[in-house]
Amino acid sequence: MLLSTKGRYAVMAMVDLAIAKSDKPVTLAGIAERQEIPLAYLEQIFAKLKKRGIVKSVRGPGGGYQLAKSAHETMIAEIVMASDESLKMTRCNSGSHEGCMAPKTRCLTHDLWEGLGYQIFHYLRSISLADVCERNLKKKFPFDPADMPGATLFAELQDSTHAHA
């Protein structure tokens, strides 16, 4: 699964907002310019973030957006889910016992993709906005591809994916 631009932009914008650490609201135009995100798209994303209580808006001169709670309390999974980004890896409807195949059975790889979706969700749920802003991810989740079994294959796959992108 590739996270769509909506989910990535939502996280990028929230990191920008959190880094501001200002008592003054931050404008979407400022975030859009700094993060190179189309303003109209950012407005749609922030409407969803506001509806879910992740940001609050301030109207009038000097208005803009602020975090609704601290960066330490705001989890990346919340941001992704609030932007209406799906973390589901299967074709099946979430929570349904029916599968995605014609006779309402699950495909042979259903459990594999469902498990991956849960792993991604749990990973994003364990990372706060502050972790990203403070660049704590390498400390929190030490990862050296060289230590990984099959590291050469992983690197080759990454290279071939980037070459075709």
Protein backbone atom coordinates (compact mmCIF):
# COMPACT_ATOMS: atom_id res chain seq x y z
CA MET A 1 0.00 0.00 0.00
CA LEU A 2 1.15 3.48 -0.74
CA LEU A 3 -0.19 6.24 1.42
CA SER A 4 -1.95 8.74 -0.81
CA THR A 5 -0.97 12.37 -1.05
CA LYS A 6 -3.90 13.26 1.22
CA GLY A 7 -2.46 11.30 4.15
CA ARG A 8 1.12 12.44 3.52
CA TYR A 9 0.09 16.08 3.12
CA ALA A 10 -1.98 15.94 6.30
CA VAL A 11 1.02 14.70 8.29
CA MET A 12 3.43 17.17 6.64
CA ALA A 13 1.08 20.08 7.39
CA MET A 14 0.59 18.98 11.00
CA VAL A 15 4.34 18.73 11.53
CA ASP A 16 4.70 22.25 10.12
CA LEU A 17 1.96 23.47 12.46
CA ALA A 18 3.53 21.73 15.47
CA ILE A 19 7.00 23.11 14.71
CA ALA A 20 5.60 26.65 14.78
CA LYS A 21 5.17 26.29 18.58
CA SER A 22 3.53 29.66 18.59
CA ASP A 23 0.66 30.98 20.63
CA LYS A 24 -0.44 32.64 17.40
CA PRO A 25 -2.43 30.70 14.80
CA VAL A 26 -0.60 29.55 11.68
CA THR A 27 -2.11 30.32 8.29
CA LEU A 28 -2.80 27.61 5.77
CA ALA A 29 -1.23 29.83 3.10
CA GLY A 30 2.03 29.77 5.07
CA ILE A 31 1.93 26.00 5.49
CA ALA A 32 1.04 25.54 1.81
CA GLU A 33 4.00 27.66 0.74
CA ARG A 34 6.54 26.06 3.10
CA GLN A 35 5.44 22.49 2.37
CA GLU A 36 4.65 23.02 -1.32
CA ILE A 37 1.08 21.77 -0.94
CA PRO A 38 -1.77 23.25 -3.01
CA LEU A 39 -3.74 25.61 -0.75
CA ALA A 40 -7.16 24.38 -1.92
CA TYR A 41 -6.18 20.79 -1.12
CA LEU A 42 -4.85 21.84 2.28
CA GLU A 43 -8.14 23.62 3.05
CA GLN A 44 -10.04 20.38 2.42
CA ILE A 45 -7.66 18.42 4.64
CA PHE A 46 -7.85 20.93 7.50
CA ALA A 47 -11.64 20.97 7.37
CA LYS A 48 -11.50 17.24 8.13
CA LEU A 49 -8.82 17.66 10.81
CA LYS A 50 -10.93 20.36 12.49
CA LYS A 51 -14.06 18.22 12.34
CA ARG A 52 -12.17 15.42 14.13
CA GLY A 53 -10.88 17.79 16.82
CA ILE A 54 -7.21 17.58 15.85
CA VAL A 55 -6.86 21.28 15.06
CA LYS A 56 -8.79 24.36 16.04
CA SER A 57 -9.30 27.44 13.94
CA VAL A 58 -9.11 31.08 14.86
CA ARG A 59 -11.06 33.52 12.70
CA GLY A 60 -10.33 37.10 11.83
CA PRO A 61 -7.14 39.09 11.36
CA GLY A 62 -4.21 37.06 12.57
CA GLY A 63 -6.34 33.93 12.33
CA GLY A 64 -5.34 30.49 11.25
CA TYR A 65 -4.97 27.07 12.84
CA GLN A 66 -3.51 25.68 16.04
CA LEU A 67 -3.12 22.19 17.45
CA ALA A 68 -6.17 21.19 19.49
CA LYS A 69 -3.93 19.23 21.88
CA SER A 70 -0.21 18.93 22.40
CA ALA A 71 2.09 17.39 19.80
CA HIS A 72 2.91 14.66 22.35
CA GLU A 73 -0.78 13.72 22.57
CA THR A 74 -1.45 13.80 18.81
CA MET A 75 -0.72 10.47 17.18
CA ILE A 76 0.14 10.11 13.49
CA ALA A 77 -2.58 7.47 13.03
CA GLU A 78 -5.17 10.01 14.18
CA ILE A 79 -4.02 12.48 11.55
CA VAL A 80 -4.01 9.90 8.76
CA MET A 81 -7.42 8.53 9.71
CA ALA A 82 -8.91 12.04 10.12
CA SER A 83 -7.84 12.92 6.60
CA ASP A 84 -10.08 10.03 5.44
CA GLU A 85 -7.07 7.96 4.51
CA SER A 86 -7.70 4.24 4.61
CA LEU A 87 -5.07 1.94 6.07
CA LYS A 88 -6.86 -1.12 4.81
CA MET A 89 -4.92 -3.43 2.57
CA THR A 90 -7.69 -5.79 1.46
CA ARG A 91 -10.51 -5.28 -1.04
CA CYS A 92 -13.06 -6.47 1.54
CA ASN A 93 -15.27 -4.09 3.48
CA SER A 94 -13.90 -3.36 6.93
CA GLY A 95 -15.61 -5.36 9.67
CA SER A 96 -17.44 -7.57 7.19
CA HIS A 97 -17.15 -11.34 7.42
CA GLU A 98 -17.84 -11.53 3.71
CA GLY A 99 -14.91 -11.64 1.35
CA CYS A 100 -14.09 -9.74 -1.80
CA MET A 101 -14.41 -12.70 -4.15
CA ALA A 102 -17.55 -13.33 -6.23
CA PRO A 103 -19.03 -16.04 -3.94
CA LYS A 104 -18.41 -13.73 -0.92
CA THR A 105 -15.32 -15.68 0.11
CA ARG A 106 -12.01 -14.22 1.14
CA CYS A 107 -9.13 -14.30 -1.30
CA LEU A 108 -6.18 -16.57 -0.53
CA THR A 109 -3.99 -13.67 0.62
CA HIS A 110 -6.63 -11.90 2.76
CA ASP A 111 -4.99 -12.62 6.12
CA LEU A 112 -1.58 -11.51 4.81
CA TRP A 113 -2.82 -8.08 3.70
CA GLU A 114 -5.11 -7.61 6.69
CA GLY A 115 -2.18 -8.31 9.02
CA LEU A 116 -0.01 -5.80 7.19
CA GLY A 117 -2.71 -3.15 7.53
CA TYR A 118 -2.85 -3.76 11.29
CA GLN A 119 0.94 -3.51 11.56
CA ILE A 120 0.95 -0.17 9.73
CA PHE A 121 -1.87 1.14 11.93
CA HIS A 122 -0.13 0.07 15.16
CA TYR A 123 3.13 1.63 14.00
CA LEU A 124 1.47 4.96 13.18
CA ARG A 125 -0.54 4.81 16.41
CA SER A 126 2.70 4.52 18.41
CA ILE A 127 4.25 7.66 16.91
CA SER A 128 3.31 11.11 18.14
CA LEU A 129 3.53 14.33 16.22
CA ALA A 130 6.24 15.33 18.70
CA ASP A 131 8.27 12.21 17.81
CA VAL A 132 8.34 13.33 14.19
CA CYS A 133 9.05 16.99 15.01
CA GLU A 134 11.86 16.05 17.39
CA ARG A 135 13.23 13.45 14.95
CA ASN A 136 12.94 10.68 17.54
CA LEU A 137 11.89 7.91 15.17
CA LYS A 138 15.36 6.39 14.76
CA LYS A 139 15.69 6.31 18.56
CA LYS A 140 12.22 4.91 19.06
CA PHE A 141 12.49 2.37 16.23
CA PRO A 142 16.15 1.64 15.53
CA PHE A 143 16.44 0.23 12.06
CA ASP A 144 19.49 -0.65 10.03
CA PRO A 145 18.65 -2.35 6.72
CA ALA A 146 22.04 -4.09 6.84
CA ASP A 147 20.92 -5.99 9.96
CA MET A 148 17.75 -7.21 8.29
CA PRO A 149 17.63 -10.72 6.83
CA GLY A 150 17.33 -10.31 3.09
CA ALA A 151 18.69 -6.75 3.26
CA THR A 152 20.18 -7.02 -0.20
CA LEU A 153 16.84 -8.04 -1.70
CA PHE A 154 15.09 -5.22 0.18
CA ALA A 155 17.59 -2.64 -1.14
CA GLU A 156 17.22 -3.99 -4.69
CA LEU A 157 13.43 -3.75 -4.46
CA GLN A 158 13.65 -0.19 -3.14
CA ASP A 159 16.03 0.81 -5.93
CA SER A 160 13.88 -0.74 -8.65
CA THR A 161 10.73 0.90 -7.23
CA HIS A 162 12.40 4.33 -7.20
CA ALA A 163 13.79 3.84 -10.69
CA HIS A 164 10.29 3.26 -12.09
CA ALA A 165 8.63 6.09 -10.15
